[in-house]
Structures are given as structure tokens and as C-alpha cells.
Protein backbone atom coordinates (compact mmCIF):
# COMPACT_ATOMS: atom_id res chain seq x y z
CA MET A 1 -7.25 -86.18 117.50
CA ASN A 2 -10.29 -88.37 117.50
CA ASN A 3 -13.63 -86.70 117.10
CA TYR A 4 -16.08 -87.79 120.35
CA ILE A 5 -19.61 -86.73 120.62
CA GLY A 6 -22.13 -87.69 123.56
CA ILE A 7 -25.95 -87.02 122.68
CA ASP A 8 -28.80 -87.62 125.43
CA ILE A 9 -32.20 -87.81 123.28
CA SER A 10 -35.33 -85.94 124.82
CA ILE A 11 -38.47 -84.96 122.37
CA ASN A 12 -37.98 -81.56 124.12
CA SER A 13 -34.34 -81.01 125.10
CA THR A 14 -31.94 -83.06 123.34
CA ALA A 15 -28.28 -82.44 124.19
CA ILE A 16 -25.45 -82.61 122.45
CA TYR A 17 -21.41 -82.62 123.93
CA ILE A 18 -18.78 -82.79 121.26
CA GLU A 19 -14.71 -82.97 121.96
CA SER A 20 -12.64 -82.37 118.96
CA ASP A 21 -9.37 -80.54 117.16
CA LYS A 22 -11.94 -77.83 117.18
CA GLY A 23 -12.69 -77.63 121.21
CA MET A 24 -15.01 -78.56 123.29
CA LYS A 25 -19.14 -77.41 122.23
CA ILE A 26 -22.43 -78.01 123.73
CA ILE A 27 -25.56 -77.87 121.99
CA SER A 28 -29.21 -77.84 123.22
CA PHE A 29 -32.14 -78.33 121.08
CA THR A 30 -34.85 -76.91 123.60
CA ASN A 31 -38.38 -76.17 123.55
CA LYS A 32 -37.99 -73.65 126.28
CA LYS A 33 -37.83 -70.34 125.51
CA ASP A 34 -34.55 -67.75 125.33
CA ASN A 35 -35.55 -65.95 128.41
CA ASN A 36 -35.47 -68.75 130.64
CA VAL A 37 -32.84 -67.93 133.55
CA TYR A 38 -30.92 -70.94 132.94
CA ILE A 39 -31.12 -70.62 128.97
CA LYS A 40 -29.14 -67.47 129.36
CA GLU A 41 -26.71 -68.42 132.00
CA LEU A 42 -25.60 -71.45 129.93
CA ASN A 43 -25.75 -69.13 126.64
CA ASN A 44 -22.99 -66.90 128.35
CA HIS A 45 -21.23 -70.25 129.03
CA GLY A 46 -20.54 -70.78 125.78
CA VAL A 47 -23.95 -73.51 125.21
CA GLU A 48 -25.52 -73.17 121.81
CA PHE A 49 -29.24 -73.39 121.69
CA GLU A 50 -31.65 -74.29 118.81
CA HIS A 51 -35.09 -73.41 120.02
CA ILE A 52 -37.39 -75.95 118.65
CA ASN A 53 -41.09 -75.56 118.60
CA ARG A 54 -43.77 -78.41 117.17
CA ARG A 55 -47.47 -77.32 115.86
CA LYS A 56 -50.04 -79.51 116.59
CA SER A 57 -53.05 -80.97 115.07
CA LYS A 58 -56.22 -82.29 117.15
CA ASN A 59 -56.42 -84.49 113.62
CA TYR A 60 -55.19 -87.88 114.64
CA SER A 61 -53.43 -88.92 111.41
CA GLU A 62 -52.39 -85.27 110.68
CA ASN A 63 -50.53 -84.74 114.16
CA GLU A 64 -48.80 -87.91 113.53
CA VAL A 65 -47.19 -86.61 110.49
CA ILE A 66 -46.39 -83.08 111.69
CA LYS A 67 -44.21 -85.08 114.39
CA LEU A 68 -42.48 -87.02 111.85
CA ARG A 69 -41.98 -83.89 109.69
CA HIS A 70 -40.60 -82.32 113.14
CA TYR A 71 -38.49 -85.23 114.29
CA ASP A 72 -36.81 -85.07 110.83
CA GLU A 73 -36.17 -81.63 110.87
CA VAL A 74 -34.37 -81.48 113.78
CA ALA A 75 -32.52 -84.69 113.43
CA THR A 76 -31.18 -82.82 110.02
CA MET A 77 -29.97 -80.05 112.38
CA ILE A 78 -28.56 -82.34 114.87
CA LEU A 79 -26.40 -83.82 111.92
CA ASP A 80 -25.69 -80.78 110.51
CA LYS A 81 -24.51 -79.42 114.18
CA CYS A 82 -22.28 -82.31 114.81
CA ASN A 83 -20.61 -82.19 110.86
CA LYS A 84 -19.82 -78.67 111.90
CA TYR A 85 -17.75 -79.15 115.14
CA ILE A 86 -15.94 -82.81 114.12
CA ASN A 87 -13.31 -83.08 111.89
CA ILE A 88 -14.72 -85.13 109.34
CA ASN A 89 -11.13 -86.53 108.37
CA GLU A 90 -10.71 -88.11 111.32
CA ASN A 91 -12.25 -90.90 113.13
CA THR A 92 -15.32 -90.52 114.89
CA TYR A 93 -16.98 -92.02 118.44
CA CYS A 94 -20.58 -91.46 119.13
CA GLN A 95 -22.25 -92.38 122.55
CA ILE A 96 -25.90 -92.17 122.47
CA GLU A 97 -27.63 -92.87 126.20
CA GLY A 98 -30.59 -95.01 125.49
CA TYR A 99 -34.21 -95.69 126.27
CA SER A 100 -35.65 -95.38 129.92
CA PHE A 101 -38.90 -97.82 129.77
CA SER A 102 -40.22 -96.38 132.80
CA LYS A 103 -41.97 -93.41 130.86
CA ASN A 104 -45.72 -93.86 129.40
CA THR A 105 -46.03 -95.79 126.15
CA SER A 106 -46.91 -92.70 124.00
CA SER A 107 -43.45 -91.09 124.77
CA ILE A 108 -41.62 -94.11 124.54
CA LEU A 109 -43.08 -94.72 120.96
CA ASP A 110 -42.29 -90.85 120.16
CA ILE A 111 -38.71 -90.79 121.58
CA VAL A 112 -38.04 -94.18 119.47
CA SER A 113 -39.14 -92.63 116.47
CA PHE A 114 -36.90 -89.44 117.03
CA SER A 115 -34.43 -91.48 118.45
CA THR A 116 -34.33 -93.97 115.10
CA LEU A 117 -33.80 -91.11 112.82
CA ILE A 118 -30.98 -89.16 114.75
CA ARG A 119 -29.35 -92.66 114.75
CA SER A 120 -29.72 -93.38 111.04
CA TYR A 121 -28.86 -89.78 109.93
CA LEU A 122 -25.52 -90.00 111.94
CA LEU A 123 -24.43 -93.17 110.66
CA LYS A 124 -25.39 -92.69 106.97
CA ASN A 125 -23.85 -88.88 106.93
CA ILE A 126 -20.95 -89.25 108.98
CA PRO A 127 -17.92 -90.99 107.57
CA ARG A 128 -15.39 -92.91 110.22
CA LEU A 129 -18.25 -93.41 112.74
CA GLU A 130 -18.56 -95.89 115.49
CA MET A 131 -21.61 -95.51 117.26
CA SER A 132 -22.09 -97.08 121.04
CA ILE A 133 -25.73 -97.32 122.55
CA ILE A 134 -25.29 -97.21 126.36
CA SER A 135 -28.11 -97.87 128.62
CA PRO A 136 -29.11 -95.26 131.46
CA SER A 137 -27.89 -97.18 134.47
CA SER A 138 -24.66 -98.17 132.84
CA LEU A 139 -24.12 -94.24 132.01
CA LYS A 140 -25.05 -93.71 135.74
CA LEU A 141 -22.15 -96.15 136.93
CA GLU A 142 -19.65 -95.16 134.51
CA ALA A 143 -19.92 -91.43 135.44
CA CYS A 144 -19.30 -92.26 138.90
CA LYS A 145 -16.37 -94.38 138.13
CA LEU A 146 -15.27 -91.51 136.43
CA SER A 147 -15.60 -89.43 139.34
CA TYR A 148 -15.43 -91.48 142.37
CA LYS A 149 -12.95 -93.63 144.02
CA PRO A 150 -13.49 -97.44 144.00
CA ILE A 151 -13.83 -98.82 147.43
CA ASP A 152 -12.54 -102.20 148.33
CA ILE A 153 -14.88 -104.30 150.50
CA GLY A 154 -13.28 -107.41 149.50
CA ILE A 155 -11.97 -109.87 152.49
CA ARG A 156 -9.42 -112.56 150.76
CA LYS A 157 -9.50 -111.09 147.22
CA PRO A 158 -10.50 -107.64 145.98
CA LYS A 159 -14.17 -106.71 145.46
CA LEU A 160 -14.37 -103.28 144.10
CA ILE A 161 -17.42 -101.10 144.48
CA TYR A 162 -18.06 -97.24 143.39
CA THR A 163 -20.50 -94.43 145.46
CA ASN A 164 -20.04 -91.22 145.55
CA ASN A 165 -19.24 -88.74 148.78
CA ASP A 166 -22.57 -89.47 149.94
CA GLY A 167 -22.52 -93.23 149.68
CA VAL A 168 -25.17 -93.29 146.78
CA ALA A 169 -24.29 -96.41 144.72
CA GLY A 170 -23.34 -95.39 141.09
CA GLY A 171 -25.71 -97.56 139.33
CA SER A 172 -28.41 -95.54 141.50
CA PHE A 173 -27.57 -92.25 140.67
CA LYS A 174 -30.54 -89.98 139.93
CA LYS A 175 -30.12 -86.79 138.05
CA HIS A 176 -28.80 -85.01 141.43
CA GLU A 177 -25.93 -87.34 141.70
CA MET A 178 -24.90 -86.46 138.13
CA TYR A 179 -24.78 -83.27 138.98
CA LYS A 180 -22.73 -83.56 141.64
CA ALA A 181 -20.26 -85.92 140.27
CA ILE A 182 -19.39 -83.48 137.54
CA LEU A 183 -18.20 -81.16 139.81
CA ASP A 184 -16.93 -84.04 142.56
CA GLY A 185 -14.74 -85.37 139.24
CA ASN A 186 -13.26 -81.93 138.18
CA ILE A 187 -14.86 -82.84 134.77
CA SER A 188 -13.82 -80.39 132.31
CA THR A 189 -16.36 -78.85 130.60
CA PRO A 190 -17.42 -75.36 129.60
CA ILE A 191 -20.16 -75.11 132.42
CA ASN A 192 -18.42 -75.99 135.12
CA LYS A 193 -18.60 -72.62 136.82
CA MET A 194 -22.09 -72.20 135.90
CA LEU A 195 -22.98 -75.63 137.71
CA LYS A 196 -20.61 -74.37 140.43
CA ASP A 197 -22.37 -71.07 140.51
CA TYR A 198 -25.94 -72.85 140.59
CA ILE A 199 -25.21 -75.59 143.39
CA HIS A 200 -28.24 -74.34 145.24
CA LEU A 201 -29.77 -76.55 142.65
CA LEU A 202 -29.28 -79.36 144.29
CA ASP A 203 -31.81 -78.25 146.94
CA ARG A 204 -34.53 -78.55 144.55
CA LYS A 205 -36.70 -81.35 143.80
CA SER A 206 -35.58 -82.00 140.31
CA ILE A 207 -32.78 -79.95 138.17
CA PRO A 208 -33.77 -78.29 135.53
CA ASN A 209 -33.79 -78.70 131.88
CA PRO A 210 -31.85 -78.65 129.99
CA ILE A 211 -29.16 -78.61 132.63
CA GLU A 212 -30.10 -82.17 133.41
CA ASP A 213 -29.66 -83.20 129.67
CA ILE A 214 -26.21 -81.55 128.99
CA ILE A 215 -25.07 -83.44 132.09
CA ASP A 216 -25.91 -86.71 130.58
CA SER A 217 -24.57 -86.27 127.32
CA ILE A 218 -21.24 -84.73 128.72
CA PHE A 219 -20.90 -88.20 130.83
CA ALA A 220 -21.82 -90.25 127.41
CA CYS A 221 -18.54 -88.48 125.61
CA LYS A 222 -16.57 -88.44 128.74
CA VAL A 223 -17.15 -92.20 128.95
CA LYS A 224 -16.31 -93.14 125.41
CA ILE A 225 -12.98 -90.76 125.79
CA LYS A 226 -12.30 -92.82 128.58
CA GLU A 227 -13.08 -96.28 126.78
CA ILE A 228 -10.94 -95.40 123.74
CA GLU A 229 -7.85 -93.76 124.97
CA LYS A 230 -7.46 -96.15 127.99
């Protein structure tokens, strides 16, 4: 069986979803404490957590070096976890969600530095690895295609569009629609029951982390599985 890895990279809440002959595995690298209610629930459903904290300095130069050392440490941990839950004798397909450029400049620079380390470490250290980067809008559209049937709006010839049950176009999905898509599409994951139990989160203004990042990592992986095994 091939190894499949989906990663959603975030400075404070990187999520990894893996499918291999060792089973399904979710790992979250978060700055939230282990007494967080959602951390507890996710942990009860098999999500493995690594709690990360970075010290800060008021000195600009020192703080930049601290950040780099921290990113290097977390990137190394991510590599170790991936190697732990895959079979290195099989082909590995890793799909990573790309950058969202709607964020402020300093945030983008940090996430680019962190993401580059992660990508480089995986490419150098996992044999038979094929890596792909999927844009956020493409990930949303492909998630929609996984979970909902197309609608043919063509007159003389087929013209397919993809929306969810509320009529939201796949490419316009936000975090709430991604949450719904996991459930509506019966996407098999270790946390489905937890997501159903906490369906009331859809009434909130935002989906709390690390849930939203975990969902994105799951879809990054599932989309790649569909592409390879189609």
C-alpha cells in the first residue's frame, strides 16, 4: 500500500494526516494547552498532540534566530512523525496546502520560512517521496468534488459545477463548509464521531483550532489518494 500524507502548515497549529498500511493517523503540533476542551476531545479520538511553545526576545536579531531554531526543531519533529507512521519501503505521496496571501507580510515571511524547512526535510529524508503543493482554493474545490455530486447546468453539452447542499460553490468554501464536507461526504477519518458530536460549532463565527487545520490536512491527503488511485 502507498503512503499518503496531507499537511496543513501553520505557525501555531500544523496538522498532519497520514494513511498507510499502519492505518490512519492524525498529528497536531499546537501551541494550545492540553487542558483545552477540543484538545481533550480530539485526543480521546486518537489525535496525537505535540505541544509547542517558542520563547520570544525583544531584541530583533535574537528573536529572529530563536524563531529559526524553533522552526527547525518542529520541522524535525514533523519528519520523525511522518517516518514513524509510514512504511519507508513503499511509495509516499505528500500533499501540502500552499500559502494564503491574504495574511499580513510578517506572518507570510514566517510561514514561508517554516514551510520551506518542512518541505526540504521531507524531500531529503523520505525515500520514494513525491510531493505536491495544492493552492487553498484548489483544495476547497477538490474537497467539494469529493463530498458532493456535480450539477450539470449545460444546455447543449454537459457543463458541471460543484456546490455543497447549501449552494456554496466549492472554490468559495470557508472553514465551515470544509467541516460540513467531511460529514456530508462521509469522509472516513478517526474524528468523524467527534465532529458530529460538536456540530454546534458550525453556529460559531469561526471553527476553533486545531480542528480547522486538521480538516484541511485530511482533505489534502484524501484528494491526493483520489488522484493517485483514480
